Amino acid sequence: MATSEATTQTPRQRNERRKPVFVVRAPDSNARGRWVTLGYAWQRKNGEDGFSVKLNSIPVGNWDGTLVLLPPLSNEEVPEQLEG
């Protein structure tokens, strides 16, 4: 019976929250050595190679276009995203 119940669930019910693998950061052109958090990157939910990236903001001004994906710091709060 568990198998039939699993197949009758809607896609949203099967989705799980996942934490990002990387934090998207860019160097702050106004403060040498400082980084600005711009968004997050998750492994692709379909299991293929690559990442899904969500940017919450983009730098303005003297930005050189560089983005860096870094692991979250151990004490850093990172949002969870609903797969979908």
C-alpha atoms as a PDB file:
ATOM      1  CA  MET A   1       0.000   0.000   0.000  1.00  0.00           C
ATOM      2  CA  ALA A   2       2.910   2.377   0.612  1.00  0.00           C
ATOM      3  CA  THR A   3       3.867   2.150  -3.057  1.00  0.00           C
ATOM      4  CA  SER A   4       0.436   3.219  -4.279  1.00  0.00           C
ATOM      5  CA  GLU A   5       0.353   6.041  -1.737  1.00  0.00           C
ATOM      6  CA  ALA A   6       3.727   7.305  -2.962  1.00  0.00           C
ATOM      7  CA  THR A   7       2.566   7.319  -6.575  1.00  0.00           C
ATOM      8  CA  THR A   8      -0.572   9.297  -5.724  1.00  0.00           C
ATOM      9  CA  GLN A   9       1.303  12.128  -4.039  1.00  0.00           C
ATOM     10  CA  THR A  10       1.423  15.406  -5.876  1.00  0.00           C
ATOM     11  CA  PRO A  11       4.847  16.658  -7.049  1.00  0.00           C
ATOM     12  CA  ARG A  12       4.813  19.344  -4.349  1.00  0.00           C
ATOM     13  CA  GLN A  13       4.302  16.708  -1.624  1.00  0.00           C
ATOM     14  CA  ARG A  14       7.327  14.738  -2.859  1.00  0.00           C
ATOM     15  CA  ASN A  15       9.560  17.819  -2.888  1.00  0.00           C
ATOM     16  CA  GLU A  16      11.935  18.341  -0.034  1.00  0.00           C
ATOM     17  CA  ARG A  17      13.645  21.467   1.160  1.00  0.00           C
ATOM     18  CA  ARG A  18      17.307  21.562   0.305  1.00  0.00           C
ATOM     19  CA  LYS A  19      20.143  23.766   1.448  1.00  0.00           C
ATOM     20  CA  PRO A  20      22.440  25.486  -1.020  1.00  0.00           C
ATOM     21  CA  VAL A  21      25.826  23.954  -1.703  1.00  0.00           C
ATOM     22  CA  PHE A  22      27.468  27.299  -2.463  1.00  0.00           C
ATOM     23  CA  VAL A  23      27.043  30.954  -1.613  1.00  0.00           C
ATOM     24  CA  VAL A  24      27.441  33.335  -4.579  1.00  0.00           C
ATOM     25  CA  ARG A  25      29.704  36.223  -3.670  1.00  0.00           C
ATOM     26  CA  ALA A  26      31.457  39.077  -5.458  1.00  0.00           C
ATOM     27  CA  PRO A  27      34.383  41.184  -4.330  1.00  0.00           C
ATOM     28  CA  ASP A  28      33.343  44.591  -2.989  1.00  0.00           C
ATOM     29  CA  SER A  29      35.019  47.182  -5.198  1.00  0.00           C
ATOM     30  CA  ASN A  30      34.708  49.774  -2.421  1.00  0.00           C
ATOM     31  CA  ALA A  31      36.332  47.713   0.339  1.00  0.00           C
ATOM     32  CA  ARG A  32      39.356  45.615  -0.561  1.00  0.00           C
ATOM     33  CA  GLY A  33      39.163  42.121   0.892  1.00  0.00           C
ATOM     34  CA  ARG A  34      35.417  42.339   1.572  1.00  0.00           C
ATOM     35  CA  TRP A  35      32.908  40.087  -0.181  1.00  0.00           C
ATOM     36  CA  VAL A  36      29.233  40.748  -0.832  1.00  0.00           C
ATOM     37  CA  THR A  37      26.728  37.863  -0.759  1.00  0.00           C
ATOM     38  CA  LEU A  38      24.571  37.976  -3.883  1.00  0.00           C
ATOM     39  CA  GLY A  39      22.744  34.654  -3.853  1.00  0.00           C
ATOM     40  CA  TYR A  40      23.022  30.895  -3.558  1.00  0.00           C
ATOM     41  CA  ALA A  41      23.653  27.789  -5.695  1.00  0.00           C
ATOM     42  CA  TRP A  42      22.012  24.382  -5.342  1.00  0.00           C
ATOM     43  CA  GLN A  43      22.866  21.088  -7.009  1.00  0.00           C
ATOM     44  CA  ARG A  44      20.436  20.408  -9.825  1.00  0.00           C
ATOM     45  CA  LYS A  45      17.444  18.489  -8.565  1.00  0.00           C
ATOM     46  CA  ASN A  46      17.372  16.128 -11.550  1.00  0.00           C
ATOM     47  CA  GLY A  47      20.792  14.695 -10.639  1.00  0.00           C
ATOM     48  CA  GLU A  48      22.545  16.055 -13.718  1.00  0.00           C
ATOM     49  CA  ASP A  49      25.864  17.854 -13.425  1.00  0.00           C
ATOM     50  CA  GLY A  50      25.631  21.550 -12.685  1.00  0.00           C
ATOM     51  CA  PHE A  51      23.986  23.969 -10.308  1.00  0.00           C
ATOM     52  CA  SER A  52      20.900  26.139 -10.157  1.00  0.00           C
ATOM     53  CA  VAL A  53      21.837  29.668  -9.128  1.00  0.00           C
ATOM     54  CA  LYS A  54      19.512  32.258  -7.628  1.00  0.00           C
ATOM     55  CA  LEU A  55      20.780  35.820  -7.364  1.00  0.00           C
ATOM     56  CA  ASN A  56      19.034  38.085  -4.875  1.00  0.00           C
ATOM     57  CA  SER A  57      20.950  41.138  -6.073  1.00  0.00           C
ATOM     58  CA  ILE A  58      23.708  42.189  -8.446  1.00  0.00           C
ATOM     59  CA  PRO A  59      26.543  44.600  -7.797  1.00  0.00           C
ATOM     60  CA  VAL A  60      26.451  48.062  -9.316  1.00  0.00           C
ATOM     61  CA  GLY A  61      29.105  50.667  -9.885  1.00  0.00           C
ATOM     62  CA  ASN A  62      32.666  49.547 -10.465  1.00  0.00           C
ATOM     63  CA  TRP A  63      31.907  45.794 -10.564  1.00  0.00           C
ATOM     64  CA  ASP A  64      34.171  43.791 -12.869  1.00  0.00           C
ATOM     65  CA  GLY A  65      31.662  40.978 -13.447  1.00  0.00           C
ATOM     66  CA  THR A  66      33.376  38.442 -11.204  1.00  0.00           C
ATOM     67  CA  LEU A  67      31.201  36.041  -9.200  1.00  0.00           C
ATOM     68  CA  VAL A  68      32.632  33.348  -6.940  1.00  0.00           C
ATOM     69  CA  LEU A  69      30.868  30.248  -5.609  1.00  0.00           C
ATOM     70  CA  LEU A  70      32.099  29.432  -2.111  1.00  0.00           C
ATOM     71  CA  PRO A  71      30.939  26.906   0.469  1.00  0.00           C
ATOM     72  CA  PRO A  72      28.801  28.491   3.189  1.00  0.00           C
ATOM     73  CA  LEU A  73      30.686  29.415   6.338  1.00  0.00           C
ATOM     74  CA  SER A  74      30.028  27.051   9.238  1.00  0.00           C
ATOM     75  CA  ASN A  75      28.231  29.786  11.205  1.00  0.00           C
ATOM     76  CA  GLU A  76      26.379  31.270   8.218  1.00  0.00           C
ATOM     77  CA  GLU A  77      22.590  31.175   7.921  1.00  0.00           C
ATOM     78  CA  VAL A  78      21.603  29.946   4.496  1.00  0.00           C
ATOM     79  CA  PRO A  79      18.040  29.769   3.213  1.00  0.00           C
ATOM     80  CA  GLU A  80      16.351  26.565   2.207  1.00  0.00           C
ATOM     81  CA  GLN A  81      14.687  26.322  -1.167  1.00  0.00           C
ATOM     82  CA  LEU A  82      11.752  24.193  -2.136  1.00  0.00           C
ATOM     83  CA  GLU A  83      12.668  22.077  -5.133  1.00  0.00           C
ATOM     84  CA  GLY A  84      10.523  22.708  -8.088  1.00  0.00           C
END
